[in-house]
Amino acid sequence: EICPVCEAPFRTEHRLSMHILAEHRDTQVRHFRCEQCDVGFRTLEILRKHRKKHDRSTDMPFPCDTCGMGFPSWSGVVTHQIQSHGKMTDQVRELKPEKEK
């Protein structure tokens, strides 16, 4: 693994993650990417926690049509789309429950 900031080599993702936290804490490096939704994270540990959300989200009523992650509420998927993907899609806009329109 190579540090995306200083190009220092590391044998494991964990060591790279520790290096980024120790040496480049003030940068916005998001080297660790989720394979399912392409969201980036600063550490491997945060990515692993994020991956668990994908595992739990398959039976949620409000899915993100961009990455497949599910949410228990419409506002949850809207927040996710804006924060993770930069915008809310028309498909999610159409999922809005009648009582929230």
PDB file of N, CA and C in Angstrom:
ATOM      1  N   GLU A   1       0.844  -1.186   0.000  1.00  0.00           N
ATOM      2  CA  GLU A   1       0.000   0.000   0.000  1.00  0.00           C
ATOM      3  C   GLU A   1       0.887   1.246   0.000  1.00  0.00           C
ATOM      4  N   ILE A   2       0.481   2.244  -0.764  1.00  0.00           N
ATOM      5  CA  ILE A   2       1.242   3.496  -0.880  1.00  0.00           C
ATOM      6  C   ILE A   2       0.399   4.641  -0.323  1.00  0.00           C
ATOM      7  N   CYS A   3       1.025   5.487   0.489  1.00  0.00           N
ATOM      8  CA  CYS A   3       0.333   6.653   1.035  1.00  0.00           C
ATOM      9  C   CYS A   3       0.016   7.615  -0.113  1.00  0.00           C
ATOM     10  N   PRO A   4      -1.246   8.028  -0.260  1.00  0.00           N
ATOM     11  CA  PRO A   4      -1.606   8.939  -1.349  1.00  0.00           C
ATOM     12  C   PRO A   4      -1.114  10.372  -1.139  1.00  0.00           C
ATOM     13  N   VAL A   5      -0.646  10.687   0.071  1.00  0.00           N
ATOM     14  CA  VAL A   5      -0.166  12.036   0.351  1.00  0.00           C
ATOM     15  C   VAL A   5       1.336  12.147   0.134  1.00  0.00           C
ATOM     16  N   CYS A   6       2.130  11.234   0.748  1.00  0.00           N
ATOM     17  CA  CYS A   6       3.584  11.346   0.699  1.00  0.00           C
ATOM     18  C   CYS A   6       4.260  10.195  -0.050  1.00  0.00           C
ATOM     19  N   GLU A   7       3.460   9.248  -0.540  1.00  0.00           N
ATOM     20  CA  GLU A   7       3.946   8.102  -1.309  1.00  0.00           C
ATOM     21  C   GLU A   7       4.834   7.130  -0.527  1.00  0.00           C
ATOM     22  N   ALA A   8       4.757   7.172   0.800  1.00  0.00           N
ATOM     23  CA  ALA A   8       5.505   6.210   1.616  1.00  0.00           C
ATOM     24  C   ALA A   8       4.861   4.832   1.466  1.00  0.00           C
ATOM     25  N   PRO A   9       5.665   3.782   1.341  1.00  0.00           N
ATOM     26  CA  PRO A   9       5.102   2.431   1.188  1.00  0.00           C
ATOM     27  C   PRO A   9       4.808   1.764   2.534  1.00  0.00           C
ATOM     28  N   PHE A  10       3.752   0.933   2.555  1.00  0.00           N
ATOM     29  CA  PHE A  10       3.391   0.183   3.754  1.00  0.00           C
ATOM     30  C   PHE A  10       3.003  -1.228   3.355  1.00  0.00           C
ATOM     31  N   ARG A  11       3.279  -2.180   4.248  1.00  0.00           N
ATOM     32  CA  ARG A  11       2.993  -3.586   3.951  1.00  0.00           C
ATOM     33  C   ARG A  11       1.518  -3.933   4.082  1.00  0.00           C
ATOM     34  N   THR A  12       0.799  -3.213   4.930  1.00  0.00           N
ATOM     35  CA  THR A  12      -0.615  -3.533   5.150  1.00  0.00           C
ATOM     36  C   THR A  12      -1.460  -2.264   5.113  1.00  0.00           C
ATOM     37  N   GLU A  13      -2.760  -2.453   4.857  1.00  0.00           N
ATOM     38  CA  GLU A  13      -3.687  -1.326   4.890  1.00  0.00           C
ATOM     39  C   GLU A  13      -3.769  -0.738   6.292  1.00  0.00           C
ATOM     40  N   HIS A  14      -3.664  -1.592   7.304  1.00  0.00           N
ATOM     41  CA  HIS A  14      -3.736  -1.110   8.683  1.00  0.00           C
ATOM     42  C   HIS A  14      -2.581  -0.147   8.977  1.00  0.00           C
ATOM     43  N   ARG A  15      -1.366  -0.509   8.568  1.00  0.00           N
ATOM     44  CA  ARG A  15      -0.219   0.385   8.812  1.00  0.00           C
ATOM     45  C   ARG A  15      -0.379   1.695   8.039  1.00  0.00           C
ATOM     46  N   LEU A  16      -0.890   1.607   6.823  1.00  0.00           N
ATOM     47  CA  LEU A  16      -1.149   2.825   6.055  1.00  0.00           C
ATOM     48  C   LEU A  16      -2.179   3.684   6.774  1.00  0.00           C
ATOM     49  N   SER A  17      -3.224   3.066   7.280  1.00  0.00           N
ATOM     50  CA  SER A  17      -4.258   3.791   8.003  1.00  0.00           C
ATOM     51  C   SER A  17      -3.678   4.504   9.225  1.00  0.00           C
ATOM     52  N   MET A  18      -2.844   3.813   9.991  1.00  0.00           N
ATOM     53  CA  MET A  18      -2.222   4.419  11.174  1.00  0.00           C
ATOM     54  C   MET A  18      -1.299   5.575  10.768  1.00  0.00           C
ATOM     55  N   HIS A  19      -0.572   5.408   9.684  1.00  0.00           N
ATOM     56  CA  HIS A  19       0.318   6.459   9.175  1.00  0.00           C
ATOM     57  C   HIS A  19      -0.479   7.707   8.795  1.00  0.00           C
ATOM     58  N   ILE A  20      -1.584   7.513   8.059  1.00  0.00           N
ATOM     59  CA  ILE A  20      -2.396   8.663   7.645  1.00  0.00           C
ATOM     60  C   ILE A  20      -2.923   9.411   8.864  1.00  0.00           C
ATOM     61  N   LEU A  21      -3.376   8.684   9.875  1.00  0.00           N
ATOM     62  CA  LEU A  21      -3.866   9.338  11.085  1.00  0.00           C
ATOM     63  C   LEU A  21      -2.769  10.089  11.821  1.00  0.00           C
ATOM     64  N   ALA A  22      -1.587   9.502  11.872  1.00  0.00           N
ATOM     65  CA  ALA A  22      -0.487  10.121  12.631  1.00  0.00           C
ATOM     66  C   ALA A  22       0.163  11.284  11.876  1.00  0.00           C
ATOM     67  N   GLU A  23       0.377  11.102  10.590  1.00  0.00           N
ATOM     68  CA  GLU A  23       1.159  12.088   9.829  1.00  0.00           C
ATOM     69  C   GLU A  23       0.337  13.068   9.003  1.00  0.00           C
ATOM     70  N   HIS A  24      -0.853  12.691   8.642  1.00  0.00           N
ATOM     71  CA  HIS A  24      -1.642  13.527   7.736  1.00  0.00           C
ATOM     72  C   HIS A  24      -3.042  13.790   8.286  1.00  0.00           C
ATOM     73  N   ARG A  25      -3.153  13.893   9.584  1.00  0.00           N
ATOM     74  CA  ARG A  25      -4.459  14.060  10.242  1.00  0.00           C
ATOM     75  C   ARG A  25      -5.234  15.259   9.699  1.00  0.00           C
ATOM     76  N   ASP A  26      -4.539  16.326   9.333  1.00  0.00           N
ATOM     77  CA  ASP A  26      -5.216  17.544   8.892  1.00  0.00           C
ATOM     78  C   ASP A  26      -5.631  17.519   7.425  1.00  0.00           C
ATOM     79  N   THR A  27      -5.225  16.503   6.687  1.00  0.00           N
ATOM     80  CA  THR A  27      -5.621  16.423   5.284  1.00  0.00           C
ATOM     81  C   THR A  27      -6.967  15.729   5.160  1.00  0.00           C
ATOM     82  N   GLN A  28      -7.580  15.869   4.031  1.00  0.00           N
ATOM     83  CA  GLN A  28      -8.882  15.246   3.799  1.00  0.00           C
ATOM     84  C   GLN A  28      -8.747  13.985   2.950  1.00  0.00           C
ATOM     85  N   VAL A  29      -7.654  13.246   3.120  1.00  0.00           N
ATOM     86  CA  VAL A  29      -7.411  12.027   2.351  1.00  0.00           C
ATOM     87  C   VAL A  29      -8.470  10.981   2.689  1.00  0.00           C
ATOM     88  N   ARG A  30      -9.076  10.434   1.674  1.00  0.00           N
ATOM     89  CA  ARG A  30     -10.076   9.379   1.848  1.00  0.00           C
ATOM     90  C   ARG A  30      -9.659   8.206   0.977  1.00  0.00           C
ATOM     91  N   HIS A  31      -8.563   7.573   1.396  1.00  0.00           N
ATOM     92  CA  HIS A  31      -7.913   6.524   0.624  1.00  0.00           C
ATOM     93  C   HIS A  31      -8.684   5.212   0.605  1.00  0.00           C
ATOM     94  N   PHE A  32      -9.411   4.917   1.665  1.00  0.00           N
ATOM     95  CA  PHE A  32     -10.096   3.633   1.795  1.00  0.00           C
ATOM     96  C   PHE A  32     -11.514   3.755   1.238  1.00  0.00           C
ATOM     97  N   ARG A  33     -11.785   3.093   0.116  1.00  0.00           N
ATOM     98  CA  ARG A  33     -13.052   3.223  -0.598  1.00  0.00           C
ATOM     99  C   ARG A  33     -13.936   1.994  -0.429  1.00  0.00           C
ATOM    100  N   CYS A  34     -15.216   2.241  -0.222  1.00  0.00           N
ATOM    101  CA  CYS A  34     -16.203   1.169  -0.148  1.00  0.00           C
ATOM    102  C   CYS A  34     -16.419   0.624  -1.558  1.00  0.00           C
ATOM    103  N   GLU A  35     -16.327  -0.693  -1.705  1.00  0.00           N
ATOM    104  CA  GLU A  35     -16.492  -1.331  -3.005  1.00  0.00           C
ATOM    105  C   GLU A  35     -17.938  -1.267  -3.487  1.00  0.00           C
ATOM    106  N   GLN A  36     -18.882  -1.124  -2.563  1.00  0.00           N
ATOM    107  CA  GLN A  36     -20.290  -1.137  -2.938  1.00  0.00           C
ATOM    108  C   GLN A  36     -20.811   0.232  -3.360  1.00  0.00           C
ATOM    109  N   CYS A  37     -20.340   1.297  -2.718  1.00  0.00           N
ATOM    110  CA  CYS A  37     -20.900   2.622  -3.022  1.00  0.00           C
ATOM    111  C   CYS A  37     -19.845   3.678  -3.344  1.00  0.00           C
ATOM    112  N   ASP A  38     -18.574   3.317  -3.301  1.00  0.00           N
ATOM    113  CA  ASP A  38     -17.451   4.188  -3.666  1.00  0.00           C
ATOM    114  C   ASP A  38     -17.261   5.397  -2.743  1.00  0.00           C
ATOM    115  N   VAL A  39     -17.855   5.386  -1.562  1.00  0.00           N
ATOM    116  CA  VAL A  39     -17.612   6.441  -0.587  1.00  0.00           C
ATOM    117  C   VAL A  39     -16.238   6.206   0.021  1.00  0.00           C
ATOM    118  N   GLY A  40     -15.460   7.284   0.215  1.00  0.00           N
ATOM    119  CA  GLY A  40     -14.116   7.157   0.757  1.00  0.00           C
ATOM    120  C   GLY A  40     -14.045   7.461   2.247  1.00  0.00           C
ATOM    121  N   PHE A  41     -13.073   6.817   2.915  1.00  0.00           N
ATOM    122  CA  PHE A  41     -12.881   6.995   4.353  1.00  0.00           C
ATOM    123  C   PHE A  41     -11.403   7.178   4.663  1.00  0.00           C
ATOM    124  N   ARG A  42     -11.114   7.862   5.760  1.00  0.00           N
ATOM    125  CA  ARG A  42      -9.724   8.131   6.132  1.00  0.00           C
ATOM    126  C   ARG A  42      -9.022   6.927   6.712  1.00  0.00           C
ATOM    127  N   THR A  43      -9.751   6.002   7.315  1.00  0.00           N
ATOM    128  CA  THR A  43      -9.102   4.843   7.925  1.00  0.00           C
ATOM    129  C   THR A  43      -9.814   3.551   7.531  1.00  0.00           C
ATOM    130  N   LEU A  44      -9.078   2.474   7.612  1.00  0.00           N
ATOM    131  CA  LEU A  44      -9.638   1.159   7.332  1.00  0.00           C
ATOM    132  C   LEU A  44     -10.706   0.796   8.354  1.00  0.00           C
ATOM    133  N   GLU A  45     -10.510   1.202   9.598  1.00  0.00           N
ATOM    134  CA  GLU A  45     -11.465   0.889  10.653  1.00  0.00           C
ATOM    135  C   GLU A  45     -12.819   1.542  10.381  1.00  0.00           C
ATOM    136  N   ILE A  46     -12.802   2.785   9.925  1.00  0.00           N
ATOM    137  CA  ILE A  46     -14.057   3.485   9.620  1.00  0.00           C
ATOM    138  C   ILE A  46     -14.738   2.823   8.428  1.00  0.00           C
ATOM    139  N   LEU A  47     -13.948   2.428   7.428  1.00  0.00           N
ATOM    140  CA  LEU A  47     -14.508   1.711   6.279  1.00  0.00           C
ATOM    141  C   LEU A  47     -15.174   0.414   6.725  1.00  0.00           C
ATOM    142  N   ARG A  48     -14.540  -0.332   7.611  1.00  0.00           N
ATOM    143  CA  ARG A  48     -15.124  -1.595   8.082  1.00  0.00           C
ATOM    144  C   ARG A  48     -16.463  -1.369   8.779  1.00  0.00           C
ATOM    145  N   LYS A  49     -16.557  -0.314   9.589  1.00  0.00           N
ATOM    146  CA  LYS A  49     -17.826   0.011  10.252  1.00  0.00           C
ATOM    147  C   LYS A  49     -18.886   0.357   9.206  1.00  0.00           C
ATOM    148  N   HIS A  50     -18.472   1.108   8.191  1.00  0.00           N
ATOM    149  CA  HIS A  50     -19.382   1.488   7.118  1.00  0.00           C
ATOM    150  C   HIS A  50     -19.905   0.256   6.377  1.00  0.00           C
ATOM    151  N   ARG A  51     -19.029  -0.693   6.088  1.00  0.00           N
ATOM    152  CA  ARG A  51     -19.434  -1.913   5.363  1.00  0.00           C
ATOM    153  C   ARG A  51     -20.536  -2.661   6.086  1.00  0.00           C
ATOM    154  N   LYS A  52     -20.528  -2.624   7.415  1.00  0.00           N
ATOM    155  CA  LYS A  52     -21.559  -3.307   8.198  1.00  0.00           C
ATOM    156  C   LYS A  52     -22.933  -2.700   7.934  1.00  0.00           C
ATOM    157  N   LYS A  53     -22.979  -1.412   7.616  1.00  0.00           N
ATOM    158  CA  LYS A  53     -24.252  -0.770   7.300  1.00  0.00           C
ATOM    159  C   LYS A  53     -24.849  -1.372   6.039  1.00  0.00           C
ATOM    160  N   HIS A  54     -24.016  -1.692   5.071  1.00  0.00           N
ATOM    161  CA  HIS A  54     -24.514  -2.342   3.860  1.00  0.00           C
ATOM    162  C   HIS A  54     -25.125  -3.699   4.201  1.00  0.00           C
ATOM    163  N   ASP A  55     -24.483  -4.434   5.090  1.00  0.00           N
ATOM    164  CA  ASP A  55     -24.983  -5.761   5.473  1.00  0.00           C
ATOM    165  C   ASP A  55     -26.348  -5.688   6.140  1.00  0.00           C
ATOM    166  N   ARG A  56     -26.556  -4.643   6.932  1.00  0.00           N
ATOM    167  CA  ARG A  56     -27.809  -4.507   7.681  1.00  0.00           C
ATOM    168  C   ARG A  56     -28.919  -3.849   6.867  1.00  0.00           C
ATOM    169  N   SER A  57     -28.584  -3.275   5.727  1.00  0.00           N
ATOM    170  CA  SER A  57     -29.538  -2.396   5.051  1.00  0.00           C
ATOM    171  C   SER A  57     -30.408  -3.068   3.998  1.00  0.00           C
ATOM    172  N   THR A  58     -30.239  -4.352   3.765  1.00  0.00           N
ATOM    173  CA  THR A  58     -30.955  -4.986   2.659  1.00  0.00           C
ATOM    174  C   THR A  58     -32.462  -5.038   2.851  1.00  0.00           C
ATOM    175  N   ASP A  59     -32.954  -5.026   4.076  1.00  0.00           N
ATOM    176  CA  ASP A  59     -34.400  -5.117   4.289  1.00  0.00           C
ATOM    177  C   ASP A  59     -35.021  -3.790   4.726  1.00  0.00           C
ATOM    178  N   MET A  60     -34.314  -2.699   4.533  1.00  0.00           N
ATOM    179  CA  MET A  60     -34.837  -1.386   4.918  1.00  0.00           C
ATOM    180  C   MET A  60     -35.792  -0.867   3.838  1.00  0.00           C
ATOM    181  N   PRO A  61     -36.822  -0.107   4.234  1.00  0.00           N
ATOM    182  CA  PRO A  61     -37.842   0.333   3.273  1.00  0.00           C
ATOM    183  C   PRO A  61     -37.439   1.478   2.343  1.00  0.00           C
ATOM    184  N   PHE A  62     -36.349   2.183   2.631  1.00  0.00           N
ATOM    185  CA  PHE A  62     -35.948   3.321   1.803  1.00  0.00           C
ATOM    186  C   PHE A  62     -34.533   3.121   1.275  1.00  0.00           C
ATOM    187  N   PRO A  63     -34.391   2.494   0.094  1.00  0.00           N
ATOM    188  CA  PRO A  63     -33.062   2.222  -0.461  1.00  0.00           C
ATOM    189  C   PRO A  63     -32.494   3.400  -1.249  1.00  0.00           C
ATOM    190  N   CYS A  64     -31.186   3.518  -1.211  1.00  0.00           N
ATOM    191  CA  CYS A  64     -30.472   4.489  -2.054  1.00  0.00           C
ATOM    192  C   CYS A  64     -30.296   3.831  -3.423  1.00  0.00           C
ATOM    193  N   ASP A  65     -30.797   4.474  -4.467  1.00  0.00           N
ATOM    194  CA  ASP A  65     -30.690   3.880  -5.800  1.00  0.00           C
ATOM    195  C   ASP A  65     -29.293   4.048  -6.394  1.00  0.00           C
ATOM    196  N   THR A  66     -28.421   4.792  -5.739  1.00  0.00           N
ATOM    197  CA  THR A  66     -27.050   4.959  -6.209  1.00  0.00           C
ATOM    198  C   THR A  66     -26.147   3.830  -5.728  1.00  0.00           C
ATOM    199  N   CYS A  67     -26.260   3.449  -4.438  1.00  0.00           N
ATOM    200  CA  CYS A  67     -25.344   2.446  -3.888  1.00  0.00           C
ATOM    201  C   CYS A  67     -26.040   1.237  -3.286  1.00  0.00           C
ATOM    202  N   GLY A  68     -27.363   1.292  -3.135  1.00  0.00           N
ATOM    203  CA  GLY A  68     -28.089   0.152  -2.601  1.00  0.00           C
ATOM    204  C   GLY A  68     -28.247   0.131  -1.094  1.00  0.00           C
ATOM    205  N   MET A  69     -27.627   1.046  -0.380  1.00  0.00           N
ATOM    206  CA  MET A  69     -27.763   1.071   1.074  1.00  0.00           C
ATOM    207  C   MET A  69     -29.201   1.443   1.423  1.00  0.00           C
ATOM    208  N   GLY A  70     -29.759   0.771   2.424  1.00  0.00           N
ATOM    209  CA  GLY A  70     -31.133   1.034   2.822  1.00  0.00           C
ATOM    210  C   GLY A  70     -31.223   1.797   4.128  1.00  0.00           C
ATOM    211  N   PHE A  71     -32.356   2.469   4.327  1.00  0.00           N
ATOM    212  CA  PHE A  71     -32.544   3.300   5.513  1.00  0.00           C
ATOM    213  C   PHE A  71     -33.953   3.110   6.057  1.00  0.00           C
ATOM    214  N   PRO A  72     -34.133   3.278   7.376  1.00  0.00           N
ATOM    215  CA  PRO A  72     -35.452   3.094   7.970  1.00  0.00           C
ATOM    216  C   PRO A  72     -36.403   4.266   7.704  1.00  0.00           C
ATOM    217  N   SER A  73     -35.870   5.406   7.256  1.00  0.00           N
ATOM    218  CA  SER A  73     -36.734   6.567   7.003  1.00  0.00           C
ATOM    219  C   SER A  73     -36.340   7.244   5.690  1.00  0.00           C
ATOM    220  N   TRP A  74     -37.293   7.966   5.114  1.00  0.00           N
ATOM    221  CA  TRP A  74     -37.031   8.707   3.877  1.00  0.00           C
ATOM    222  C   TRP A  74     -35.993   9.798   4.132  1.00  0.00           C
ATOM    223  N   SER A  75     -36.110  10.487   5.257  1.00  0.00           N
ATOM    224  CA  SER A  75     -35.146  11.551   5.555  1.00  0.00           C
ATOM    225  C   SER A  75     -33.738  10.982   5.703  1.00  0.00           C
ATOM    226  N   GLY A  76     -33.619   9.743   6.175  1.00  0.00           N
ATOM    227  CA  GLY A  76     -32.309   9.105   6.299  1.00  0.00           C
ATOM    228  C   GLY A  76     -31.650   8.883   4.956  1.00  0.00           C
ATOM    229  N   VAL A  77     -32.421   8.395   3.970  1.00  0.00           N
ATOM    230  CA  VAL A  77     -31.844   8.164   2.639  1.00  0.00           C
ATOM    231  C   VAL A  77     -31.537   9.489   1.947  1.00  0.00           C
ATOM    232  N   VAL A  78     -32.348  10.513   2.186  1.00  0.00           N
ATOM    233  CA  VAL A  78     -32.077  11.836   1.604  1.00  0.00           C
ATOM    234  C   VAL A  78     -30.763  12.392   2.156  1.00  0.00           C
ATOM    235  N   THR A  79     -30.602  12.345   3.467  1.00  0.00           N
ATOM    236  CA  THR A  79     -29.359  12.823   4.096  1.00  0.00           C
ATOM    237  C   THR A  79     -28.164  12.059   3.557  1.00  0.00           C
ATOM    238  N   HIS A  80     -28.291  10.741   3.466  1.00  0.00           N
ATOM    239  CA  HIS A  80     -27.216   9.901   2.939  1.00  0.00           C
ATOM    240  C   HIS A  80     -26.848  10.308   1.513  1.00  0.00           C
ATOM    241  N   GLN A  81     -27.840  10.468   0.651  1.00  0.00           N
ATOM    242  CA  GLN A  81     -27.549  10.799  -0.743  1.00  0.00           C
ATOM    243  C   GLN A  81     -26.836  12.139  -0.862  1.00  0.00           C
ATOM    244  N   ILE A  82     -27.286  13.123  -0.131  1.00  0.00           N
ATOM    245  CA  ILE A  82     -26.668  14.449  -0.208  1.00  0.00           C
ATOM    246  C   ILE A  82     -25.246  14.414   0.333  1.00  0.00           C
ATOM    247  N   GLN A  83     -25.037  13.763   1.478  1.00  0.00           N
ATOM    248  CA  GLN A  83     -23.707  13.721   2.085  1.00  0.00           C
ATOM    249  C   GLN A  83     -22.751  12.802   1.346  1.00  0.00           C
ATOM    250  N   SER A  84     -23.232  11.658   0.862  1.00  0.00           N
ATOM    251  CA  SER A  84     -22.350  10.668   0.255  1.00  0.00           C
ATOM    252  C   SER A  84     -22.218  10.799  -1.256  1.00  0.00           C
ATOM    253  N   HIS A  85     -23.295  11.237  -1.912  1.00  0.00           N
ATOM    254  CA  HIS A  85     -23.289  11.262  -3.370  1.00  0.00           C
ATOM    255  C   HIS A  85     -23.456  12.659  -3.957  1.00  0.00           C
ATOM    256  N   GLY A  86     -23.645  13.666  -3.106  1.00  0.00           N
ATOM    257  CA  GLY A  86     -23.698  15.043  -3.577  1.00  0.00           C
ATOM    258  C   GLY A  86     -25.059  15.567  -3.983  1.00  0.00           C
ATOM    259  N   LYS A  87     -26.051  14.686  -4.163  1.00  0.00           N
ATOM    260  CA  LYS A  87     -27.392  15.152  -4.527  1.00  0.00           C
ATOM    261  C   LYS A  87     -28.414  14.045  -4.295  1.00  0.00           C
ATOM    262  N   MET A  88     -29.681  14.471  -4.208  1.00  0.00           N
ATOM    263  CA  MET A  88     -30.773  13.518  -4.081  1.00  0.00           C
ATOM    264  C   MET A  88     -31.265  13.180  -5.488  1.00  0.00           C
ATOM    265  N   THR A  89     -31.476  11.898  -5.743  1.00  0.00           N
ATOM    266  CA  THR A  89     -31.946  11.479  -7.063  1.00  0.00           C
ATOM    267  C   THR A  89     -33.465  11.615  -7.160  1.00  0.00           C
ATOM    268  N   ASP A  90     -33.967  11.664  -8.386  1.00  0.00           N
ATOM    269  CA  ASP A  90     -35.410  11.735  -8.608  1.00  0.00           C
ATOM    270  C   ASP A  90     -36.110  10.496  -8.069  1.00  0.00           C
ATOM    271  N   GLN A  91     -35.469   9.343  -8.179  1.00  0.00           N
ATOM    272  CA  GLN A  91     -36.077   8.099  -7.695  1.00  0.00           C
ATOM    273  C   GLN A  91     -36.322   8.160  -6.195  1.00  0.00           C
ATOM    274  N   VAL A  92     -35.359   8.688  -5.437  1.00  0.00           N
ATOM    275  CA  VAL A  92     -35.541   8.826  -3.987  1.00  0.00           C
ATOM    276  C   VAL A  92     -36.574   9.911  -3.685  1.00  0.00           C
ATOM    277  N   ARG A  93     -36.581  10.972  -4.460  1.00  0.00           N
ATOM    278  CA  ARG A  93     -37.571  12.032  -4.269  1.00  0.00           C
ATOM    279  C   ARG A  93     -38.989  11.451  -4.378  1.00  0.00           C
ATOM    280  N   GLU A  94     -39.174  10.504  -5.304  1.00  0.00           N
ATOM    281  CA  GLU A  94     -40.482   9.884  -5.506  1.00  0.00           C
ATOM    282  C   GLU A  94     -40.877   8.926  -4.376  1.00  0.00           C
ATOM    283  N   LEU A  95     -39.911   8.500  -3.559  1.00  0.00           N
ATOM    284  CA  LEU A  95     -40.194   7.595  -2.433  1.00  0.00           C
ATOM    285  C   LEU A  95     -40.799   8.332  -1.235  1.00  0.00           C
ATOM    286  N   LYS A  96     -40.828   9.674  -1.297  1.00  0.00           N
ATOM    287  CA  LYS A  96     -41.294  10.450  -0.157  1.00  0.00           C
ATOM    288  C   LYS A  96     -42.714  10.045   0.244  1.00  0.00           C
ATOM    289  N   PRO A  97     -42.884   9.662   1.512  1.00  0.00           N
ATOM    290  CA  PRO A  97     -44.221   9.266   1.983  1.00  0.00           C
ATOM    291  C   PRO A  97     -45.218  10.424   1.881  1.00  0.00           C
ATOM    292  N   GLU A  98     -46.477  10.102   1.652  1.00  0.00           N
ATOM    293  CA  GLU A  98     -47.529  11.122   1.507  1.00  0.00           C
ATOM    294  C   GLU A  98     -47.577  12.081   2.685  1.00  0.00           C
ATOM    295  N   LYS A  99     -47.414  11.560   3.885  1.00  0.00           N
ATOM    296  CA  LYS A  99     -47.515  12.435   5.073  1.00  0.00           C
ATOM    297  C   LYS A  99     -46.369  13.435   5.151  1.00  0.00           C
ATOM    298  N   GLU A 100     -45.268  13.213   4.417  1.00  0.00           N
ATOM    299  CA  GLU A 100     -44.142  14.150   4.437  1.00  0.00           C
ATOM    300  C   GLU A 100     -44.128  15.074   3.236  1.00  0.00           C
ATOM    301  N   LYS A 101     -45.066  14.921   2.283  1.00  0.00           N
ATOM    302  CA  LYS A 101     -45.123  15.770   1.081  1.00  0.00           C
ATOM    303  C   LYS A 101     -45.754  17.102   1.360  1.00  0.00           C
TER     304      LYS A 101
END
